[in-house]
Each structure stands twice: as structure tokens, then as C-alpha cells.
């Protein structure tokens, strides 16, 4: 089937669907329905986080789908306010409780916060290693880690992150971090894959979409897939949720890929916070 989602192999022996459904900024009251719609279409990978405030509704949507727990890959992420080991343990318990699950497929440190906690994200990471050892987290990884942060984990910790979830889109290709991931068998997950919608009006993307009879979002998501990254676009619009799923029955040729590559603006193209200085902790 042309729209079968490929699996990406992780360095711990597990696999993850390359395409997932993201629930960032989906209101809790709308989350269960959106997750249910995504699962109905064929998504089998849901990405949430403690800071999104909708873990419980993600669990609700999965249970209502009638799918077996083993059929859905679920990711969540540690709240920035809970990096201390004891706090991280309690937060992880809360995630499992909210989801009403006895394990999670992938648990991430959401941000490194190098200017907080005396710069110590290593003890936080070692706490996640505990969750993997006891089987409650099948895989563990990081989000928004820069090369220096990853190198510190490599020097001071035992487990290599299974993924690094970072901002990546045509305006900010984040190549230095992606290259480190490739060299160390850490797959990249691309958040904000369409730059919060900003690339969809780009003339290059619009022209390509018209040339091949696809939507601008499908073109950009296909670009990510062909680069080998894992993506989880977010939408609450049923039509868009479905369109975003149909990106495996066409390919972009080398010329199209290069045209999109040429949109990279480097650091000025970044839409979200810079992980080297981001220090937000929810009230």
C-alpha cells in the first residue's frame, strides 16, 4: 500500500513510525477527538508532552479508538520544571497516570535548560535511563539538544539518546545538529516541520506544489521524509490531518529537493527559542 508509513530503526533496537501526529497547542477539550481522527486515518504514532497539558486526552483518544496499546507509538516529554531526579521520577509517574498506561514508547527531556539547574541535565538524563531499565520507557531521548549538549551526554552518561527532537524546516535546516545525529546514530525528529505554516506561502514551495499536484504542506513534509527525519505534523482540521498522511505515494526529484534546500536561512530562520539560552519553566 502506497501510504504505509515506514519505520525508522532506533539505536536501542526499537523502531518508530516515521510519520506521527503531534498535539502541541491542541486544547485538551479537542485532543481526544483529533487523536481519534488521526488513528482512524492510519497514524500510529502520537507525540505529546507534559507541558502541553493534554496527555490524559491523548490516552483517552487512543483507548476510544479500540486499537491495542501495542499498536500505537506514544511519546511524551519531561516538564521543564522537573529536572531534578526526584522531581523527574514523580513527573514520569504522572505521565503514565495521565495516559493510563503502564509504559511509554519514548520519553524525552523536553529542553536541556543549560542555564538552569546549575547546568546539570546529565543527572536528569541518568534518571531517564532508570525508566528505560525498568521497562516503563521503551526508549529514551532528548529534545532541543545542541551538539555540545549531546557531546556532554556521550562523555558522562551510559545510554545514547534514541532520538533528538529539534526544530527543522526549510527555513531552518539545523544541519549541524542533524549531522551530529547521523554520525552517532541518533535519528532526528523535526518539530515545527512547516515553520508554523510560514513556508506554505513560499513561492518556491507553492510552485512545486502546483507542478506536482500536491498541497504545499505535502511537499514540505515529503522533503522531510526524503531527508530521513521523523515528523509529526499537527492539525485539528480533518482534511489536513488526512492530507498530511498521504505523503508516501509520491517522491520529490533531486531538483525539487535542492530548490527546497535552498530556502535555508540558517540561524535567522529559526522560529522557536534557541536551546542554548532558553530557560522557561512553567509557573
Protein backbone atom coordinates (compact mmCIF):
# COMPACT_ATOMS: atom_id res chain seq x y z
CA UNK A 1 0.00 0.00 0.00
CA UNK A 2 1.46 3.33 -1.09
CA UNK A 3 0.59 5.13 2.12
CA UNK A 4 2.13 2.64 4.53
CA UNK A 5 4.28 4.64 6.96
CA UNK A 6 7.90 3.42 7.10
CA UNK A 7 9.52 2.56 10.41
CA UNK A 8 12.80 4.17 11.45
CA UNK A 9 15.20 1.93 13.38
CA UNK A 10 16.43 3.34 16.68
CA UNK A 11 19.83 2.65 18.24
CA UNK A 12 18.27 0.64 21.09
CA UNK A 13 16.70 -1.97 18.82
CA UNK A 14 13.23 -0.42 18.77
CA UNK A 15 11.50 1.21 15.81
CA UNK A 16 9.36 4.33 15.42
CA UNK A 17 6.90 5.24 12.64
CA UNK A 18 8.48 7.98 10.54
CA UNK A 19 5.20 9.93 10.43
CA UNK A 20 3.25 10.71 13.56
CA UNK A 21 0.55 13.07 14.79
CA UNK A 22 1.53 15.99 17.01
CA UNK A 23 -0.76 17.55 19.62
CA UNK A 24 1.22 20.68 20.53
CA UNK A 25 -1.19 23.62 21.07
CA UNK A 26 -4.26 21.43 20.67
CA UNK A 27 -6.63 22.32 23.50
CA UNK A 28 -7.31 19.44 25.87
CA UNK A 29 -11.03 19.57 25.01
CA UNK A 30 -10.19 18.95 21.34
CA UNK A 31 -7.34 16.47 21.77
CA UNK A 32 -9.15 13.15 22.15
CA UNK A 33 -11.22 13.79 19.03
CA UNK A 34 -8.17 14.87 16.99
CA UNK A 35 -6.18 11.83 18.13
CA UNK A 36 -9.12 9.57 17.31
CA UNK A 37 -9.40 11.07 13.84
CA UNK A 38 -5.66 10.61 13.23
CA UNK A 39 -5.78 6.97 14.32
CA UNK A 40 -8.81 6.37 12.12
CA UNK A 41 -6.88 7.70 9.12
CA UNK A 42 -3.95 5.42 9.86
CA UNK A 43 -1.48 7.28 12.09
CA UNK A 44 0.10 5.01 14.70
CA UNK A 45 2.46 7.48 16.39
CA UNK A 46 1.29 10.26 18.75
CA UNK A 47 3.62 12.94 20.13
CA UNK A 48 2.63 14.82 23.29
CA UNK A 49 4.40 16.37 26.31
CA UNK A 50 3.75 17.14 29.94
CA UNK A 51 3.87 20.87 29.15
CA UNK A 52 1.14 20.52 26.51
CA UNK A 53 -1.40 19.70 29.22
CA UNK A 54 -3.21 17.13 27.09
CA UNK A 55 -1.64 13.77 27.96
CA UNK A 56 -4.85 12.49 29.58
CA UNK A 57 -6.83 13.29 26.45
CA UNK A 58 -4.24 11.58 24.26
CA UNK A 59 -4.73 8.43 26.33
CA UNK A 60 -8.49 8.85 26.08
CA UNK A 61 -8.34 9.13 22.28
CA UNK A 62 -6.18 6.03 21.99
CA UNK A 63 -8.44 3.97 24.24
CA UNK A 64 -11.56 5.10 22.37
CA UNK A 65 -10.02 4.00 19.06
CA UNK A 66 -10.27 0.35 20.02
CA UNK A 67 -6.67 -0.22 18.96
CA UNK A 68 -4.46 -2.37 21.13
CA UNK A 69 -1.95 -0.34 23.16
CA UNK A 70 0.90 -2.11 21.36
CA UNK A 71 -0.29 -0.72 18.01
CA UNK A 72 0.26 2.95 18.91
CA UNK A 73 3.69 4.53 19.49
CA UNK A 74 3.35 7.18 22.21
CA UNK A 75 5.92 9.88 23.02
CA UNK A 76 5.87 12.36 25.89
CA UNK A 77 8.41 14.75 27.35
CA UNK A 78 9.58 15.89 30.78
CA UNK A 79 8.25 19.22 32.00
CA UNK A 80 10.99 21.86 32.32
CA UNK A 81 10.15 22.36 35.98
CA UNK A 82 11.05 18.79 36.96
CA UNK A 83 14.67 18.19 36.01
CA UNK A 84 15.87 17.25 39.49
CA UNK A 85 15.95 13.44 39.68
CA UNK A 86 13.25 13.08 42.36
CA UNK A 87 11.03 15.56 40.53
CA UNK A 88 11.62 13.77 37.23
CA UNK A 89 10.60 10.44 38.78
CA UNK A 90 7.37 11.93 40.10
CA UNK A 91 6.66 13.67 36.78
CA UNK A 92 7.16 10.44 34.85
CA UNK A 93 4.73 8.66 37.18
CA UNK A 94 2.24 11.47 36.48
CA UNK A 95 2.65 10.98 32.73
CA UNK A 96 1.90 7.27 32.98
CA UNK A 97 -1.05 8.02 35.26
CA UNK A 98 -2.47 10.69 32.93
CA UNK A 99 -2.14 8.45 29.88
CA UNK A 100 -3.44 5.47 31.90
CA UNK A 101 -0.62 3.36 30.50
CA UNK A 102 1.96 1.16 32.21
CA UNK A 103 4.70 2.09 29.75
CA UNK A 104 5.50 4.77 27.22
CA UNK A 105 7.28 4.10 23.93
CA UNK A 106 9.53 7.16 24.06
CA UNK A 107 10.20 9.67 26.83
CA UNK A 108 12.28 12.78 26.20
CA UNK A 109 13.96 15.58 28.11
CA UNK A 110 12.00 18.43 26.55
CA UNK A 111 14.73 21.11 26.78
CA UNK A 112 18.34 20.97 28.05
CA UNK A 113 17.98 24.25 30.02
CA UNK A 114 21.77 24.73 30.27
CA UNK A 115 21.36 27.96 32.25
CA UNK A 116 19.13 26.28 34.86
CA UNK A 117 19.78 23.58 37.47
CA UNK A 118 23.47 24.55 37.59
CA UNK A 119 23.70 23.40 34.00
CA UNK A 120 23.10 19.80 35.07
CA UNK A 121 20.97 17.94 32.55
CA UNK A 122 23.15 14.83 32.91
CA UNK A 123 21.58 13.73 36.20
CA UNK A 124 18.19 14.26 34.55
CA UNK A 125 19.26 12.02 31.68
CA UNK A 126 20.52 9.35 34.07
CA UNK A 127 17.09 9.39 35.69
CA UNK A 128 15.52 8.65 32.30
CA UNK A 129 17.97 5.76 32.00
CA UNK A 130 16.28 4.33 35.12
CA UNK A 131 12.90 4.46 33.39
CA UNK A 132 14.29 2.53 30.43
CA UNK A 133 15.95 -0.06 32.65
CA UNK A 134 12.71 -0.79 34.48
CA UNK A 135 10.77 -1.07 31.22
CA UNK A 136 8.39 1.81 31.77
CA UNK A 137 10.04 3.75 28.94
CA UNK A 138 10.85 1.53 25.98
CA UNK A 139 13.11 4.22 24.51
CA UNK A 140 14.50 7.47 25.88
CA UNK A 141 15.72 10.52 24.05
CA UNK A 142 16.19 14.26 24.10
CA UNK A 143 14.64 17.29 22.52
CA UNK A 144 16.26 20.58 21.55
CA UNK A 145 19.76 19.35 22.41
CA UNK A 146 22.60 21.11 20.64
CA UNK A 147 25.84 19.38 19.65
CA UNK A 148 27.62 20.45 22.86
CA UNK A 149 24.79 19.03 24.97
CA UNK A 150 24.90 15.73 23.09
CA UNK A 151 28.68 15.54 23.44
CA UNK A 152 28.37 16.02 27.19
CA UNK A 153 25.90 13.13 27.44
CA UNK A 154 28.27 10.98 25.38
CA UNK A 155 31.08 11.74 27.81
CA UNK A 156 29.18 11.42 31.10
CA UNK A 157 26.26 9.01 30.57
CA UNK A 158 25.81 5.39 29.55
CA UNK A 159 22.90 5.48 27.10
CA UNK A 160 22.94 7.21 23.73
CA UNK A 161 19.67 9.10 23.12
CA UNK A 162 17.35 7.18 20.81
CA UNK A 163 16.27 10.43 19.11
CA UNK A 164 16.85 14.17 19.23
CA UNK A 165 13.70 16.16 18.56
CA UNK A 166 14.71 19.59 17.22
CA UNK A 167 13.33 22.45 15.18
CA UNK A 168 13.79 21.65 11.49
CA UNK A 169 12.03 23.09 8.43
CA UNK A 170 13.05 24.55 5.06
CA UNK A 171 13.86 27.96 6.59
CA UNK A 172 15.97 26.39 9.35
CA UNK A 173 17.52 23.10 8.26
CA UNK A 174 19.56 22.79 11.51
CA UNK A 175 22.24 20.88 9.64
CA UNK A 176 24.95 20.90 12.30
CA UNK A 177 22.77 19.09 14.83
CA UNK A 178 21.33 16.75 12.21
CA UNK A 179 24.87 15.87 11.03
CA UNK A 180 25.92 15.01 14.59
CA UNK A 181 22.86 12.78 14.87
CA UNK A 182 23.69 10.96 11.65
CA UNK A 183 27.28 10.41 12.77
CA UNK A 184 26.20 8.99 16.14
CA UNK A 185 23.11 7.01 15.10
CA UNK A 186 20.67 9.44 16.74
CA UNK A 187 17.72 9.95 14.37
CA UNK A 188 16.36 13.48 14.09
CA UNK A 189 12.74 14.25 14.83
CA UNK A 190 11.73 17.53 13.20
CA UNK A 191 9.36 19.73 15.16
CA UNK A 192 7.65 22.70 13.52
CA UNK A 193 8.14 20.93 10.15
CA UNK A 194 6.25 23.62 8.21
CA UNK A 195 7.67 26.53 10.26
CA UNK A 196 4.30 27.13 11.94
CA UNK A 197 2.80 27.47 8.47
CA UNK A 198 5.19 30.15 7.28
CA UNK A 199 6.74 28.08 4.48
CA UNK A 200 3.38 27.20 2.96
CA UNK A 201 3.16 30.56 1.18
CA UNK A 202 6.76 30.49 0.00
CA UNK A 203 6.79 30.92 -3.81
CA UNK A 204 9.21 28.01 -4.28
CA UNK A 205 7.01 25.65 -2.27
CA UNK A 206 3.81 26.90 -3.93
CA UNK A 207 5.32 26.46 -7.40
CA UNK A 208 6.49 22.92 -6.63
CA UNK A 209 3.09 22.01 -5.22
CA UNK A 210 1.37 23.26 -8.37
CA UNK A 211 3.84 21.42 -10.60
CA UNK A 212 3.21 18.03 -8.98
CA UNK A 213 -0.42 18.45 -7.98
CA UNK A 214 0.09 18.32 -4.23
CA UNK A 215 -0.52 20.73 -1.37
CA UNK A 216 2.36 22.89 -0.13
CA UNK A 217 2.24 21.05 3.20
CA UNK A 218 2.53 17.68 1.47
CA UNK A 219 5.55 18.90 -0.48
CA UNK A 220 7.35 20.14 2.64
CA UNK A 221 6.52 17.03 4.66
CA UNK A 222 7.75 14.86 1.80
CA UNK A 223 11.02 16.85 1.81
CA UNK A 224 11.49 15.95 5.47
CA UNK A 225 10.74 12.28 4.85
CA UNK A 226 13.23 12.03 2.00
CA UNK A 227 15.89 13.58 4.25
CA UNK A 228 15.26 10.71 6.65
CA UNK A 229 13.78 12.68 9.55
CA UNK A 230 10.78 11.71 11.71
CA UNK A 231 7.87 14.15 11.61
CA UNK A 232 4.54 14.63 13.40
CA UNK A 233 2.56 17.49 11.87
CA UNK A 234 -0.26 18.93 13.96
CA UNK A 235 -3.74 19.89 12.80
CA UNK A 236 -7.27 19.81 14.13
CA UNK A 237 -8.76 20.05 10.64
CA UNK A 238 -9.83 16.56 9.47
CA UNK A 239 -8.99 17.31 5.83
CA UNK A 240 -5.46 18.45 6.71
CA UNK A 241 -4.89 15.55 9.09
CA UNK A 242 -5.70 13.26 6.17
CA UNK A 243 -3.67 15.20 3.59
CA UNK A 244 -0.62 15.13 5.87
CA UNK A 245 -0.85 11.34 5.99
CA UNK A 246 -0.72 10.97 2.20
CA UNK A 247 2.93 11.72 1.55
CA UNK A 248 4.24 8.24 0.74
CA UNK A 249 2.70 7.81 -2.70
CA UNK A 250 4.92 10.35 -4.47
CA UNK A 251 8.54 11.49 -4.44
CA UNK A 252 10.39 14.73 -4.99
CA UNK A 253 13.16 14.59 -7.58
CA UNK A 254 16.67 15.86 -6.85
CA UNK A 255 15.94 19.25 -8.41
CA UNK A 256 12.88 19.76 -6.23
CA UNK A 257 14.82 18.74 -3.13
CA UNK A 258 17.58 21.22 -3.96
CA UNK A 259 15.08 24.01 -4.53
CA UNK A 260 13.68 23.47 -1.05
CA UNK A 261 17.18 23.07 0.43
CA UNK A 262 17.96 26.50 -0.98
CA UNK A 263 15.38 28.13 1.30
CA UNK A 264 17.54 27.57 4.41
CA UNK A 265 18.26 30.86 6.17
CA UNK A 266 20.45 29.43 8.91
CA UNK A 267 20.00 30.82 12.42
CA UNK A 268 17.82 33.76 11.28
CA UNK A 269 15.30 31.19 10.02
CA UNK A 270 14.74 29.74 13.49
CA UNK A 271 11.11 30.22 14.57
CA UNK A 272 11.34 28.88 18.13
CA UNK A 273 13.67 29.55 21.07
CA UNK A 274 17.42 28.96 20.90
CA UNK A 275 18.16 25.96 23.17
CA UNK A 276 21.44 27.48 24.35
CA UNK A 277 19.59 30.26 26.19
CA UNK A 278 16.00 29.05 26.57
CA UNK A 279 15.21 28.79 30.27
CA UNK A 280 11.40 28.81 30.51
CA UNK A 281 9.84 26.96 33.43
CA UNK A 282 6.02 26.92 33.62
CA UNK A 283 4.54 28.69 36.61
